[in-house]
Amino acid sequence: MHIDNISFEQALERDARRFLGLDAGDGRAGRSPQRIIVADFEYRWDRSRYDGYRVSEGESAEPTIRWPFHRMAAASWLQLRFDPGEEVPAVESVVVLAEDEASEQEMIARFFEALHQVPTAQLITWGGEVKDLAVLRRSAGEFALVLPRQLTDGSPHARERIDLCRAVTVQARSPHLPEYAAATAIPAKPSPSRTIGELVEKGDWRKVRDQVLADVLTTAVVALRHLAAHRVVECDQPKTLMAVADAVAAAIPGSEFARRSFAPWARGQKAASGLRGTVYRADP
């Protein structure tokens, strides 16, 4: 594709607008409902198969356990529908699955089915192009599953999805999700990033569920800000955050992160949005 006199970022915005059905002009008239699915996954290492590979390859073996040996241990996704003229999107589903209730194949099959049901939905991840999508494609072949439309294009710039880490970074160094969240005042992971593998190995599924759900919620907030800034979607962001918080509370009532971190933060965002004029804060 030849691009004249426009930046790469502008090209991405143009493609996203075309994919989501925005008309030319002011981009507000004649739109169809738009859907996004925000997803995240956690893994365990397949140490037995890796050990077999290492023995067979000897000194030629890769010294670290890379993504072909990562087995899905938890999955979460959030689906939003933006209807023309509505200031708050509909929260169509909030899903959290873990290994204690579903096998890897079952988790992936359910996620694929969610994508198959809405083939025009844009899949949004944070860093998904680096590992998650590779694991999903490997699993499709391994478990004889049909890849959803969002995963068939191997280009990292495919219009059917957005890797937000890549999108917000452009050519800067890629930040970690909790790093970006801390810098932009968004609640993030309840457990440090490096502990998730240990939590999976221990079978602490309550914390694993909270971690994968937290990543989805944090990514969803970044996605709303990013898409709104590019005029891909229009919504009342504070009200949307509250709608998401309420939907998560109803669907996943056991989530401590949602109850103690995300919901209070969303309420604070909504309250702050209603203030007018200069806001004076008391000294601590």
Protein backbone atom coordinates (compact mmCIF):
# COMPACT_ATOMS: atom_id res chain seq x y z
CA MET A 1 0.00 0.00 0.00
CA HIS A 2 1.37 3.42 -0.96
CA ILE A 3 0.89 6.23 1.58
CA ASP A 4 1.47 9.81 0.45
CA ASN A 5 2.03 12.68 2.87
CA ILE A 6 0.37 11.03 5.88
CA SER A 7 1.97 9.61 8.98
CA PHE A 8 1.82 5.98 9.99
CA GLU A 9 -0.41 6.97 12.92
CA GLN A 10 -2.81 8.74 10.55
CA ALA A 11 -2.91 5.66 8.35
CA LEU A 12 -3.80 3.51 11.37
CA GLU A 13 -6.59 5.93 12.31
CA ARG A 14 -7.94 5.94 8.77
CA ASP A 15 -7.98 2.13 8.60
CA ALA A 16 -9.64 1.86 12.01
CA ARG A 17 -12.36 4.30 10.94
CA ARG A 18 -12.97 2.38 7.74
CA PHE A 19 -13.11 -0.95 9.57
CA LEU A 20 -15.58 0.33 12.16
CA GLY A 21 -17.88 1.76 9.52
CA LEU A 22 -17.40 5.48 9.99
CA ASP A 23 -18.50 7.55 6.98
CA ALA A 24 -16.32 10.18 5.42
CA GLY A 25 -16.87 13.74 6.55
CA ASP A 26 -17.48 14.40 10.20
CA GLY A 27 -17.52 10.67 11.03
CA ARG A 28 -20.75 10.82 13.04
CA ALA A 29 -23.54 10.22 10.55
CA GLY A 30 -24.57 6.88 9.12
CA ARG A 31 -22.72 4.68 11.55
CA SER A 32 -23.59 1.11 12.42
CA PRO A 33 -23.13 -0.21 15.95
CA GLN A 34 -19.44 -0.75 16.69
CA ARG A 35 -18.07 -3.49 18.92
CA ILE A 36 -14.76 -4.05 20.61
CA ILE A 37 -13.59 -7.11 22.52
CA VAL A 38 -10.78 -6.48 25.02
CA ALA A 39 -8.94 -9.66 26.01
CA ASP A 40 -6.07 -10.90 28.15
CA PHE A 41 -4.59 -14.28 29.06
CA GLU A 42 -2.33 -15.86 31.68
CA TYR A 43 -0.18 -18.94 31.24
CA ARG A 44 1.66 -21.82 32.85
CA TRP A 45 4.88 -23.28 31.48
CA ASP A 46 4.80 -26.78 29.99
CA ARG A 47 7.99 -27.81 31.74
CA SER A 48 7.82 -31.53 30.85
CA ARG A 49 7.68 -30.93 27.09
CA TYR A 50 10.31 -28.21 27.34
CA ASP A 51 12.60 -30.60 29.22
CA GLY A 52 12.11 -33.19 26.49
CA TYR A 53 12.99 -30.62 23.84
CA ARG A 54 16.05 -29.49 25.79
CA VAL A 55 17.33 -33.05 26.13
CA SER A 56 16.82 -33.82 22.45
CA GLU A 57 18.45 -30.58 21.27
CA GLY A 58 21.25 -30.49 23.83
CA GLU A 59 23.40 -27.39 23.62
CA SER A 60 21.35 -26.15 20.66
CA ALA A 61 18.22 -25.81 22.80
CA GLU A 62 16.74 -22.40 23.52
CA PRO A 63 17.70 -21.68 27.16
CA THR A 64 14.40 -19.98 28.08
CA ILE A 65 10.88 -21.41 27.97
CA ARG A 66 9.36 -19.44 25.12
CA TRP A 67 5.76 -19.11 23.89
CA PRO A 68 5.41 -22.51 22.14
CA PHE A 69 5.57 -24.04 25.64
CA HIS A 70 3.14 -21.56 27.25
CA ARG A 71 -0.20 -23.18 28.07
CA MET A 72 -3.23 -21.01 28.75
CA ALA A 73 -4.19 -21.04 32.44
CA ALA A 74 -6.69 -18.16 32.53
CA ALA A 75 -8.58 -15.96 30.08
CA SER A 76 -10.76 -12.88 30.33
CA TRP A 77 -12.56 -10.68 27.86
CA LEU A 78 -14.94 -7.73 27.86
CA GLN A 79 -17.27 -6.90 24.97
CA LEU A 80 -18.62 -3.38 24.40
CA ARG A 81 -21.15 -2.20 21.81
CA PHE A 82 -21.22 1.46 20.77
CA ASP A 83 -24.63 2.41 19.35
CA PRO A 84 -24.97 5.58 17.26
CA GLY A 85 -26.25 8.48 19.34
CA GLU A 86 -25.79 6.71 22.69
CA GLU A 87 -23.37 8.28 25.16
CA VAL A 88 -22.66 5.01 27.00
CA PRO A 89 -21.83 1.72 25.24
CA ALA A 90 -23.61 -1.49 26.17
CA VAL A 91 -21.49 -3.95 28.14
CA GLU A 92 -22.48 -7.13 26.32
CA SER A 93 -20.33 -9.59 28.23
CA VAL A 94 -17.67 -9.92 30.91
CA VAL A 95 -15.97 -13.32 31.08
CA VAL A 96 -13.27 -14.71 33.37
CA LEU A 97 -12.15 -18.33 33.09
CA ALA A 98 -9.38 -20.23 34.84
CA GLU A 99 -7.86 -23.68 34.74
CA ASP A 100 -9.76 -24.92 37.79
CA GLU A 101 -13.06 -24.69 35.89
CA ALA A 102 -12.12 -25.15 32.23
CA SER A 103 -9.35 -26.83 30.26
CA GLU A 104 -7.06 -24.86 27.99
CA GLN A 105 -8.95 -26.12 24.96
CA GLU A 106 -12.31 -25.15 26.48
CA MET A 107 -11.11 -21.64 27.34
CA ILE A 108 -9.77 -21.05 23.85
CA ALA A 109 -12.86 -22.54 22.19
CA ARG A 110 -15.12 -20.22 24.22
CA PHE A 111 -13.00 -17.21 23.33
CA PHE A 112 -13.01 -18.14 19.65
CA GLU A 113 -16.78 -18.56 19.75
CA ALA A 114 -17.16 -15.07 21.24
CA LEU A 115 -15.14 -13.70 18.30
CA HIS A 116 -17.03 -15.81 15.75
CA GLN A 117 -20.34 -14.43 17.07
CA VAL A 118 -19.31 -10.84 16.22
CA PRO A 119 -16.85 -11.04 13.30
CA THR A 120 -16.89 -7.25 12.85
CA ALA A 121 -15.79 -6.63 16.45
CA GLN A 122 -12.28 -5.26 16.80
CA LEU A 123 -10.07 -7.33 19.10
CA ILE A 124 -7.99 -5.22 21.48
CA THR A 125 -5.03 -6.46 23.52
CA TRP A 126 -2.00 -5.02 25.26
CA GLY A 127 1.06 -6.63 23.72
CA GLY A 128 -1.01 -9.40 22.17
CA GLU A 129 1.02 -9.39 18.96
CA VAL A 130 4.11 -10.34 20.96
CA LYS A 131 2.80 -13.62 22.43
CA ASP A 132 -0.96 -14.03 22.96
CA LEU A 133 -1.91 -14.23 19.30
CA ALA A 134 0.91 -16.65 18.56
CA VAL A 135 -0.32 -18.95 21.34
CA LEU A 136 -3.90 -18.72 20.08
CA ARG A 137 -2.87 -19.61 16.53
CA ARG A 138 -0.77 -22.52 17.77
CA SER A 139 -3.74 -23.72 19.83
CA ALA A 140 -6.12 -23.49 16.87
CA GLY A 141 -4.00 -25.96 14.95
CA GLU A 142 -3.34 -28.16 17.97
CA PHE A 143 -7.02 -28.44 18.98
CA ALA A 144 -8.51 -28.41 15.45
CA LEU A 145 -10.28 -25.08 16.01
CA VAL A 146 -11.20 -22.59 13.30
CA LEU A 147 -9.51 -19.23 13.71
CA PRO A 148 -11.89 -16.26 14.06
CA ARG A 149 -11.68 -13.48 11.48
CA GLN A 150 -9.84 -11.25 13.95
CA LEU A 151 -6.88 -13.66 14.04
CA THR A 152 -6.44 -14.73 10.43
CA ASP A 153 -4.43 -11.75 9.20
CA GLY A 154 -0.85 -12.20 10.37
CA SER A 155 0.08 -8.55 9.96
CA PRO A 156 0.72 -6.74 13.28
CA HIS A 157 -1.24 -3.83 11.77
CA ALA A 158 -4.32 -5.85 10.77
CA ARG A 159 -7.47 -3.70 10.87
CA GLU A 160 -9.39 -6.43 12.70
CA ARG A 161 -7.50 -5.79 15.92
CA ILE A 162 -5.39 -3.29 17.85
CA ASP A 163 -2.34 -4.01 19.98
CA LEU A 164 -2.60 -0.98 22.24
CA CYS A 165 0.99 -1.27 23.41
CA ARG A 166 2.10 -0.83 19.81
CA ALA A 167 -0.55 1.82 19.06
CA VAL A 168 0.28 4.15 21.96
CA THR A 169 4.03 3.60 21.64
CA VAL A 170 4.47 4.39 17.92
CA GLN A 171 8.32 4.47 17.86
CA ALA A 172 9.03 5.00 21.55
CA ARG A 173 10.18 2.10 23.76
CA SER A 174 7.30 -0.20 24.65
CA PRO A 175 6.04 0.26 28.23
CA HIS A 176 4.59 -2.45 30.43
CA LEU A 177 0.86 -2.17 31.11
CA PRO A 178 1.22 -1.31 34.84
CA GLU A 179 3.92 1.22 33.93
CA TYR A 180 1.61 2.99 31.45
CA ALA A 181 -1.31 2.72 33.88
CA ALA A 182 0.66 4.28 36.74
CA ALA A 183 1.73 7.15 34.53
CA THR A 184 -1.88 7.82 33.47
CA ALA A 185 -3.55 7.22 36.86
CA ILE A 186 -5.44 4.03 35.95
CA PRO A 187 -5.72 1.17 38.47
CA ALA A 188 -3.79 -1.91 37.40
CA LYS A 189 -2.58 -5.35 38.41
CA PRO A 190 -3.38 -6.34 42.02
CA SER A 191 -0.28 -8.59 42.06
CA PRO A 192 3.17 -7.72 40.68
CA SER A 193 3.61 -8.87 37.08
CA ARG A 194 6.39 -11.33 37.83
CA THR A 195 4.33 -13.21 40.43
CA ILE A 196 1.61 -14.48 38.09
CA GLY A 197 3.54 -17.61 37.13
CA GLU A 198 3.97 -18.51 40.79
CA LEU A 199 0.26 -17.92 41.46
CA VAL A 200 -0.62 -20.25 38.59
CA GLU A 201 1.81 -22.92 39.81
CA LYS A 202 0.33 -22.70 43.31
CA GLY A 203 -3.20 -22.91 41.96
CA ASP A 204 -4.23 -19.64 43.62
CA TRP A 205 -7.07 -19.21 41.15
CA ARG A 206 -8.77 -16.36 43.02
CA LYS A 207 -5.71 -14.17 42.55
CA VAL A 208 -5.12 -15.43 39.01
CA ARG A 209 -8.70 -14.50 38.05
CA ASP A 210 -8.31 -11.06 39.60
CA GLN A 211 -5.03 -10.53 37.74
CA VAL A 212 -6.38 -11.43 34.29
CA LEU A 213 -9.58 -9.44 34.86
CA ALA A 214 -7.58 -6.43 36.07
CA ASP A 215 -5.49 -6.51 32.89
CA VAL A 216 -8.67 -6.49 30.79
CA LEU A 217 -10.17 -3.57 32.73
CA THR A 218 -6.98 -1.52 32.57
CA THR A 219 -6.63 -2.23 28.86
CA ALA A 220 -10.28 -1.31 28.32
CA VAL A 221 -9.74 2.12 29.91
CA VAL A 222 -6.70 2.75 27.71
CA ALA A 223 -8.72 1.57 24.70
CA LEU A 224 -11.58 3.96 25.44
CA ARG A 225 -9.20 6.89 25.75
CA HIS A 226 -7.26 5.93 22.63
CA LEU A 227 -10.30 5.34 20.41
CA ALA A 228 -12.05 8.49 21.64
CA ALA A 229 -8.94 10.58 21.03
CA HIS A 230 -8.83 9.29 17.45
CA ARG A 231 -12.59 9.87 17.04
CA VAL A 232 -13.12 6.20 16.29
CA VAL A 233 -15.78 6.06 19.04
CA GLU A 234 -17.74 8.73 20.89
CA CYS A 235 -18.95 8.18 24.44
CA ASP A 236 -19.22 9.78 27.85
CA GLN A 237 -16.09 8.23 29.30
CA PRO A 238 -16.84 8.69 33.04
CA LYS A 239 -20.33 7.20 32.62
CA THR A 240 -18.88 4.41 30.51
CA LEU A 241 -16.37 3.55 33.24
CA MET A 242 -19.21 3.31 35.76
CA ALA A 243 -21.20 1.11 33.38
CA VAL A 244 -18.22 -1.22 33.06
CA ALA A 245 -17.67 -1.24 36.84
CA ASP A 246 -21.35 -2.07 37.45
CA ALA A 247 -21.34 -4.83 34.83
CA VAL A 248 -18.21 -6.41 36.30
CA ALA A 249 -19.67 -6.25 39.81
CA ALA A 250 -22.75 -8.09 38.57
CA ALA A 251 -20.91 -10.68 36.48
CA ILE A 252 -17.84 -11.26 38.70
CA PRO A 253 -18.97 -10.39 42.24
CA GLY A 254 -15.96 -12.11 43.82
CA SER A 255 -13.37 -9.83 42.26
CA GLU A 256 -11.55 -7.85 44.94
CA PHE A 257 -9.79 -5.74 42.33
CA ALA A 258 -13.09 -4.70 40.77
CA ARG A 259 -14.68 -3.96 44.15
CA ARG A 260 -11.77 -2.32 45.98
CA SER A 261 -9.83 -0.64 43.15
CA PHE A 262 -11.66 -0.28 39.87
CA ALA A 263 -15.17 0.63 41.08
CA PRO A 264 -14.02 3.32 43.56
CA TRP A 265 -11.73 4.77 40.90
CA ALA A 266 -14.57 4.81 38.33
CA ARG A 267 -16.84 6.57 40.83
CA GLY A 268 -14.12 9.14 41.42
CA GLN A 269 -13.77 9.72 37.68
CA LYS A 270 -17.51 10.25 37.34
CA ALA A 271 -17.65 12.58 40.34
CA ALA A 272 -14.73 14.64 39.06
CA SER A 273 -16.36 14.96 35.65
CA GLY A 274 -19.35 16.70 37.25
CA LEU A 275 -17.27 19.41 38.87
CA ARG A 276 -17.11 22.84 37.27
CA GLY A 277 -14.61 25.63 37.71
CA THR A 278 -11.44 25.42 39.78
CA VAL A 279 -11.13 22.38 41.98
CA TYR A 280 -9.36 22.98 45.30
CA ARG A 281 -8.04 19.94 47.13
CA ALA A 282 -7.23 19.95 50.82
CA ASP A 283 -3.64 19.37 51.76
CA PRO A 284 -2.99 15.88 53.14
